[in-house]
Protein backbone atom coordinates (compact mmCIF):
# COMPACT_ATOMS: atom_id res chain seq x y z
CA MET A 1 -31.34 -10.52 11.98
CA ALA A 2 -34.94 -11.49 12.22
CA THR A 3 -36.72 -14.06 10.46
CA ASP A 4 -40.30 -14.67 9.90
CA GLY A 5 -39.91 -18.59 9.71
CA PRO A 6 -37.69 -21.35 8.63
CA GLN A 7 -35.73 -20.77 5.11
CA THR A 8 -33.37 -23.13 3.46
CA PRO A 9 -31.26 -22.42 0.60
CA PRO A 10 -31.56 -24.00 -2.80
CA SER A 11 -31.78 -27.78 -2.50
CA SER A 12 -29.11 -28.03 -5.22
CA VAL A 13 -26.62 -26.05 -3.02
CA PRO A 14 -24.26 -28.03 -0.86
CA VAL A 15 -24.33 -26.36 2.91
CA LEU A 16 -22.25 -27.18 5.87
CA ASN A 17 -24.28 -28.37 8.34
CA GLU A 18 -27.58 -27.74 6.62
CA LYS A 19 -30.95 -27.88 8.85
CA ARG A 20 -33.97 -27.74 7.13
CA ASP A 21 -35.98 -27.23 10.39
CA ARG A 22 -34.11 -23.73 11.31
CA PRO A 23 -33.24 -20.48 9.21
CA PHE A 24 -30.57 -21.25 6.78
CA SER A 25 -26.96 -19.95 8.62
CA ALA A 26 -23.99 -21.40 7.39
CA PRO A 27 -21.30 -21.11 4.55
CA LEU A 28 -21.82 -22.58 1.10
CA GLU A 29 -18.97 -25.26 0.58
CA THR A 30 -18.66 -25.00 -3.37
CA PRO A 31 -19.66 -22.85 -6.28
CA PRO A 32 -22.26 -23.86 -8.24
CA ALA A 33 -21.46 -25.96 -11.77
CA THR A 34 -22.54 -22.99 -13.70
CA SER A 35 -19.46 -20.70 -12.56
CA SER A 36 -16.90 -20.27 -14.88
CA PRO A 37 -13.44 -19.21 -13.32
CA VAL A 38 -11.11 -16.51 -15.11
CA THR A 39 -8.62 -18.73 -17.26
CA ILE A 40 -4.73 -17.72 -16.05
CA SER A 41 -2.61 -17.28 -19.13
CA PRO A 42 0.36 -19.78 -19.14
CA LEU A 43 3.78 -18.55 -18.37
CA THR A 44 5.52 -16.91 -21.16
CA SER A 45 9.48 -18.35 -20.88
CA GLN A 46 10.53 -15.30 -19.38
CA GLN A 47 8.20 -15.37 -16.99
CA GLN A 48 9.06 -19.09 -15.97
CA SER A 49 12.65 -17.94 -15.81
CA LYS A 50 11.42 -15.23 -13.21
CA TYR A 51 9.29 -17.53 -10.90
CA ASN A 52 12.39 -20.28 -11.04
CA TRP A 53 14.62 -17.64 -9.78
CA LEU A 54 11.97 -16.77 -6.93
CA LEU A 55 11.62 -20.24 -6.20
CA GLU A 56 15.18 -20.81 -5.53
CA ARG A 57 15.65 -17.81 -3.67
CA ALA A 58 12.74 -18.42 -1.25
CA LYS A 59 14.25 -22.07 -0.70
CA SER A 60 17.38 -20.58 0.51
CA TRP A 61 15.99 -18.10 2.84
CA ALA A 62 17.75 -18.83 6.48
CA GLU A 63 15.21 -16.88 8.35
CA VAL A 64 12.61 -14.30 8.13
CA PRO A 65 13.88 -11.30 9.68
CA SER A 66 12.10 -9.08 12.20
CA ALA A 67 13.05 -6.13 14.43
CA LYS A 68 10.46 -7.13 17.10
CA GLY A 69 12.13 -10.03 18.25
CA LYS A 70 10.06 -12.45 15.96
CA ASN A 71 13.12 -13.58 13.62
CA GLY A 72 13.86 -17.02 13.01
CA PRO A 73 13.91 -20.37 10.46
CA LEU A 74 11.16 -20.50 8.32
CA THR A 75 8.26 -22.55 10.29
CA GLU A 76 6.52 -25.39 8.57
CA ASN A 77 3.55 -23.27 8.00
CA GLU A 78 5.33 -20.27 6.52
CA LYS A 79 6.98 -22.95 3.65
CA MET A 80 3.38 -24.25 3.16
CA TRP A 81 2.28 -20.67 2.55
CA LEU A 82 5.05 -20.32 -0.17
CA THR A 83 2.91 -22.01 -2.83
CA LYS A 84 3.84 -21.73 -6.43
CA GLU A 85 0.91 -19.64 -6.87
CA ALA A 86 1.56 -17.13 -3.67
CA LEU A 87 5.01 -16.41 -5.38
CA LEU A 88 3.43 -15.67 -8.82
CA ARG A 89 0.86 -13.72 -7.01
CA TYR A 90 3.81 -11.19 -6.20
CA LEU A 91 5.62 -11.29 -9.13
CA ARG A 92 2.35 -10.30 -10.63
CA ALA A 93 1.99 -7.44 -8.17
CA THR A 94 5.34 -6.11 -8.70
CA LYS A 95 5.13 -6.33 -12.55
CA TRP A 96 7.66 -9.05 -12.70
CA ASP A 97 10.45 -7.23 -10.86
CA GLN A 98 11.91 -10.42 -9.15
CA GLN A 99 13.78 -8.53 -6.75
CA GLU A 100 11.07 -6.59 -5.45
CA ALA A 101 9.04 -9.63 -5.16
CA GLU A 102 11.58 -11.15 -2.98
CA LYS A 103 11.29 -7.98 -1.03
CA ARG A 104 7.99 -8.08 -0.57
CA LEU A 105 7.35 -11.68 0.19
CA LEU A 106 9.89 -11.43 2.83
CA GLU A 107 8.12 -8.31 4.45
CA THR A 108 5.09 -10.32 4.21
CA LEU A 109 6.38 -13.46 6.22
CA THR A 110 7.68 -10.75 8.69
CA TRP A 111 4.27 -8.89 9.08
CA ARG A 112 2.41 -12.01 9.30
CA ARG A 113 4.94 -12.81 12.39
CA GLU A 114 4.83 -9.75 14.01
CA TYR A 115 1.11 -8.81 13.66
CA GLY A 116 0.34 -12.67 14.95
CA VAL A 117 -1.86 -13.59 11.96
CA GLU A 118 -1.71 -17.20 12.77
CA ASP A 119 -2.12 -16.47 16.68
CA LEU A 120 -5.52 -14.83 16.21
CA THR A 121 -8.45 -17.05 17.55
CA ALA A 122 -12.19 -17.60 16.82
CA GLU A 123 -12.69 -16.87 20.65
CA HIS A 124 -10.96 -13.65 20.55
CA ILE A 125 -12.43 -12.37 17.24
CA GLY A 126 -15.85 -13.85 17.95
CA PRO A 127 -17.27 -10.68 19.66
CA GLU A 128 -16.57 -8.80 16.65
CA ASN A 129 -18.66 -10.64 14.48
CA GLU A 130 -21.87 -11.21 16.72
CA THR A 131 -24.15 -8.96 14.46
CA GLY A 132 -22.86 -10.52 11.29
CA LYS A 133 -20.77 -7.43 10.02
CA GLN A 134 -18.91 -9.77 8.23
CA VAL A 135 -20.06 -12.89 6.26
CA ILE A 136 -18.57 -15.16 3.77
CA VAL A 137 -21.46 -16.98 1.92
CA GLY A 138 -21.90 -17.88 -1.67
CA PHE A 139 -19.97 -17.63 -4.92
CA ASP A 140 -19.76 -14.96 -7.64
CA LYS A 141 -20.34 -16.00 -11.20
CA HIS A 142 -16.35 -16.98 -11.63
CA GLY A 143 -16.49 -19.38 -8.53
CA ARG A 144 -14.99 -16.67 -6.46
CA PRO A 145 -16.28 -16.75 -2.53
CA CYS A 146 -18.24 -13.79 -1.93
CA HIS A 147 -17.00 -11.64 1.46
CA TYR A 148 -19.78 -9.40 2.72
CA LEU A 149 -19.12 -6.55 4.68
CA ASN A 150 -22.03 -4.58 6.51
CA PRO A 151 -20.38 -1.69 8.14
CA GLY A 152 -23.77 -0.50 9.45
CA ARG A 153 -24.03 -3.47 11.78
CA GLN A 154 -20.97 -2.25 13.91
CA ASN A 155 -20.90 -3.52 17.39
CA THR A 156 -17.81 -2.77 18.96
CA GLU A 157 -15.94 0.59 19.63
CA VAL A 158 -12.40 1.29 17.61
CA THR A 159 -9.82 -1.02 18.82
CA PRO A 160 -6.79 -3.08 16.93
CA ARG A 161 -9.05 -5.86 17.45
CA GLN A 162 -11.61 -4.56 14.64
CA VAL A 163 -8.44 -4.74 12.24
CA GLN A 164 -7.67 -8.06 13.53
CA HIS A 165 -11.08 -9.07 12.51
CA VAL A 166 -10.82 -8.08 8.68
CA VAL A 167 -7.59 -10.58 8.90
CA PHE A 168 -8.84 -12.95 10.34
CA MET A 169 -12.02 -13.12 7.75
CA LEU A 170 -9.31 -12.85 4.98
CA GLU A 171 -7.71 -15.98 5.96
CA ARG A 172 -11.06 -17.65 6.61
CA VAL A 173 -12.18 -16.79 3.17
CA ILE A 174 -8.84 -17.74 1.58
CA ASP A 175 -9.26 -21.09 3.42
CA LEU A 176 -12.70 -21.63 1.49
CA ILE A 177 -11.57 -20.55 -1.92
CA PRO A 178 -12.14 -23.45 -4.31
CA ALA A 179 -9.57 -25.36 -7.00
CA GLY A 180 -8.93 -23.55 -10.03
CA GLN A 181 -9.35 -19.98 -8.04
CA GLU A 182 -7.10 -17.57 -6.25
CA LYS A 183 -9.29 -14.39 -5.77
CA ILE A 184 -12.17 -13.17 -3.70
CA CYS A 185 -15.32 -11.25 -4.32
CA LEU A 186 -16.01 -8.39 -1.72
CA LEU A 187 -19.55 -7.23 -1.33
CA ILE A 188 -19.65 -4.02 0.81
CA ASP A 189 -23.08 -2.44 2.09
CA PHE A 190 -22.82 1.15 3.71
CA LYS A 191 -26.50 1.07 4.42
CA SER A 192 -26.89 2.77 8.01
CA GLY A 193 -28.16 0.21 10.88
CA THR A 194 -30.16 0.50 13.81
CA LYS A 195 -27.04 1.72 15.97
CA ARG A 196 -25.08 3.06 13.63
CA THR A 197 -26.04 5.73 11.32
CA ASN A 198 -22.42 6.87 9.99
CA THR A 199 -20.93 3.53 8.33
CA ALA A 200 -17.78 5.30 7.20
CA PRO A 201 -14.50 3.76 9.00
CA GLY A 202 -11.87 6.40 10.25
CA ILE A 203 -9.26 7.43 7.86
CA GLY A 204 -6.22 5.87 9.94
CA GLN A 205 -8.12 2.53 10.06
CA GLY A 206 -9.07 2.79 6.68
CA ARG A 207 -5.65 3.26 5.47
CA GLU A 208 -4.35 0.46 7.71
CA VAL A 209 -6.56 -1.90 6.15
CA LEU A 210 -6.03 -0.59 2.86
CA HIS A 211 -2.11 -1.05 3.20
CA ILE A 212 -2.56 -4.53 5.00
CA LEU A 213 -4.85 -5.78 1.68
CA GLN A 214 -2.42 -4.10 -0.95
CA ALA A 215 0.73 -4.79 1.01
CA HIS A 216 -0.06 -8.48 2.02
CA TYR A 217 -2.66 -10.11 0.21
CA PRO A 218 -1.74 -9.12 -3.57
CA GLU A 219 -3.79 -10.30 -6.55
CA ARG A 220 -6.46 -11.63 -4.05
CA LEU A 221 -9.18 -8.84 -4.92
CA GLY A 222 -11.10 -10.17 -7.92
CA ARG A 223 -14.07 -7.70 -7.68
CA ALA A 224 -15.29 -5.42 -4.92
CA LEU A 225 -19.00 -4.87 -5.17
CA ILE A 226 -19.98 -1.31 -3.21
CA VAL A 227 -23.53 -0.25 -2.45
CA ASN A 228 -25.52 2.19 -0.62
CA VAL A 229 -22.86 4.93 -0.28
CA PRO A 230 -23.70 8.07 1.45
CA TRP A 231 -22.00 11.40 0.83
CA VAL A 232 -20.07 11.05 4.15
CA VAL A 233 -18.58 7.52 2.82
CA TRP A 234 -17.94 9.39 -0.66
CA GLY A 235 -15.95 11.47 1.36
CA PHE A 236 -13.75 8.85 2.87
CA PHE A 237 -13.08 7.03 -0.49
CA LYS A 238 -12.06 10.41 -2.15
CA LEU A 239 -9.46 10.88 1.06
CA ILE A 240 -7.82 7.40 0.27
CA THR A 241 -8.22 7.43 -3.30
CA PRO A 242 -4.40 8.43 -3.67
CA PHE A 243 -3.63 5.30 -1.62
CA ILE A 244 -5.47 3.00 -3.76
CA ASP A 245 -3.29 1.10 -6.19
CA PRO A 246 -4.60 1.71 -10.12
CA LEU A 247 -5.22 -1.98 -10.66
CA THR A 248 -7.54 -2.12 -7.38
CA LYS A 249 -9.25 1.00 -8.61
CA GLU A 250 -10.44 -0.85 -11.77
CA LYS A 251 -11.78 -3.50 -9.57
CA LEU A 252 -14.22 -1.31 -7.52
CA LYS A 253 -17.85 -1.36 -8.50
CA PHE A 254 -20.00 1.48 -7.02
CA ASN A 255 -23.86 1.21 -6.76
CA GLU A 256 -24.02 -1.48 -9.99
CA ASP A 257 -26.63 -4.19 -10.22
CA MET A 258 -24.91 -6.94 -8.37
CA THR A 259 -26.47 -9.75 -10.21
CA GLN A 260 -24.44 -8.76 -12.95
CA TYR A 261 -21.41 -10.25 -11.29
CA VAL A 262 -23.32 -12.56 -8.62
CA ASP A 263 -25.95 -15.26 -9.80
CA PRO A 264 -29.18 -14.49 -7.70
CA GLU A 265 -29.57 -17.87 -6.13
CA GLN A 266 -25.96 -17.10 -4.80
CA LEU A 267 -26.66 -13.30 -3.38
CA VAL A 268 -28.16 -12.87 -0.36
CA THR A 269 -31.62 -11.46 0.05
CA ASP A 270 -30.37 -8.30 1.73
CA TYR A 271 -29.47 -7.33 -1.61
CA ASN A 272 -31.45 -6.15 -4.41
CA GLY A 273 -32.31 -9.18 -6.56
CA GLY A 274 -30.77 -11.70 -4.47
CA GLN A 275 -32.59 -15.05 -3.81
CA LEU A 276 -30.25 -16.51 -1.08
CA PRO A 277 -32.16 -17.06 2.03
CA PHE A 278 -29.29 -16.28 4.29
CA GLU A 279 -29.98 -15.25 7.68
CA TYR A 280 -27.22 -14.34 10.14
CA ASP A 281 -27.42 -16.47 13.39
CA HIS A 282 -23.88 -16.20 15.28
CA ALA A 283 -24.14 -19.17 17.55
CA VAL A 284 -24.98 -21.22 14.22
CA TYR A 285 -22.79 -19.51 11.69
CA TRP A 286 -19.41 -18.72 13.63
CA PRO A 287 -18.67 -22.46 14.77
CA ALA A 288 -19.69 -23.81 11.03
CA LEU A 289 -17.53 -21.33 9.42
CA MET A 290 -14.66 -22.40 11.93
CA LYS A 291 -15.18 -26.12 11.42
CA LEU A 292 -15.22 -25.63 7.69
CA SER A 293 -11.86 -23.50 7.58
CA ASN A 294 -10.04 -25.98 10.28
CA GLN A 295 -11.48 -28.79 7.74
CA ARG A 296 -9.73 -27.28 4.69
CA ARG A 297 -6.56 -26.47 6.47
CA ALA A 298 -6.15 -29.72 7.97
CA GLU A 299 -6.56 -31.32 4.61
CA ARG A 300 -4.17 -28.88 2.77
CA THR A 301 -1.69 -29.62 5.56
CA GLN A 302 -2.09 -33.74 5.12
CA ARG A 303 -1.54 -33.19 1.37
CA TRP A 304 1.48 -30.70 1.93
CA ALA A 305 3.17 -33.31 3.86
CA ALA A 306 2.22 -36.24 1.69
CA GLY A 307 3.74 -34.10 -1.38
CA GLY A 308 7.06 -33.74 0.43
CA ARG A 309 6.65 -30.58 2.44
CA LEU A 310 7.97 -28.19 -0.76
CA ILE A 311 8.35 -24.68 -0.74
CA GLY A 312 6.37 -23.99 -4.00
CA GLU A 313 4.16 -26.51 -4.00
CA SER A 314 0.55 -26.29 -6.36
CA GLU A 315 -2.15 -24.78 -4.48
CA ASP A 316 -4.38 -26.89 -6.83
CA TYR A 317 -2.72 -30.11 -5.40
CA LEU A 318 -3.29 -28.90 -2.07
CA ARG A 319 -6.73 -28.36 -2.30
CA GLY A 320 -7.43 -31.91 -3.72
CA HIS A 321 -8.00 -30.81 -7.47
CA GLU A 322 -4.91 -32.24 -8.62
CA PRO A 323 -3.77 -35.68 -7.84
CA HIS A 324 0.20 -35.11 -7.65
CA GLY A 325 2.13 -32.30 -6.32
CA VAL A 326 4.87 -30.55 -7.81
CA ALA A 327 7.63 -33.09 -6.82
CA ASN A 328 5.77 -35.89 -8.70
CA MET A 329 4.76 -33.73 -11.94
CA ASP A 330 8.73 -32.45 -11.81
CA ALA A 331 10.02 -35.93 -11.74
CA ARG A 332 7.49 -36.85 -14.90
CA ALA A 333 8.66 -34.07 -16.71
CA SER A 334 12.35 -35.19 -16.63
CA GLU A 335 11.53 -38.71 -17.56
């Protein structure tokens, strides 16, 4: 992406490795103070009972099943992934059917192993993002990180790595979710690029990505803002509509004013009304994103160990928002 000269983000916005003498090309670390996270209602006694049941079931799992030779006991990373909020997301996604939630959690653990989610590396995925076709920068009005998808910047042929790229970036945006928040904001711009006029993905690839999102990242989508939708992409959406969960459909907003959902200061200037002067420079952005993601993961791992390495740990504790983990809170509650 070309730039007419050095641009910097608003001085009030903290940026990883901000450089005043070069274009702004790095993820933002924290949402603005004006953001207002969506309040999550406390659990009812029945919901708490279902959660307690699922937690005890997760603690009892002897191994992760796999028909591809990947079966075995839960790893430390898998135990850390099984947070209180993760279990609740699967319960909400299954409308509080505790047996179905357990089934789907195990299916996701199996998929993560067989797909190799934790084995995907920045070096392997990097070539897919050289044109900035996926970018994580800024936050919406509820403090959810903004994940931009720009199909018009497609720079590779159809291979499994394209879908791996989506999964890899989903993992990165989840790393950057702030405390008190669980969801992300997708912003998809289907305008054609210099090398790509047809920006609609193939039906097979589209269905694969949709299945991954709905089956293995439930309750993660806060909003999807979609603009510049040409007729061929409308056709694509009509074809995959039968496979989209009704709750997901409600979160899709087509060709609306994005500043209704993202403050102009947090919306990149490529979008109408955007005032965030972000310019994608792969040599700057990619290592900055990896540094911030790795830093957040290391901090969570350290806190998880300090909290007792528990299944069902609090994500707010892991993100440093709460001073104590669930073991300490449970102990205080029993006093």
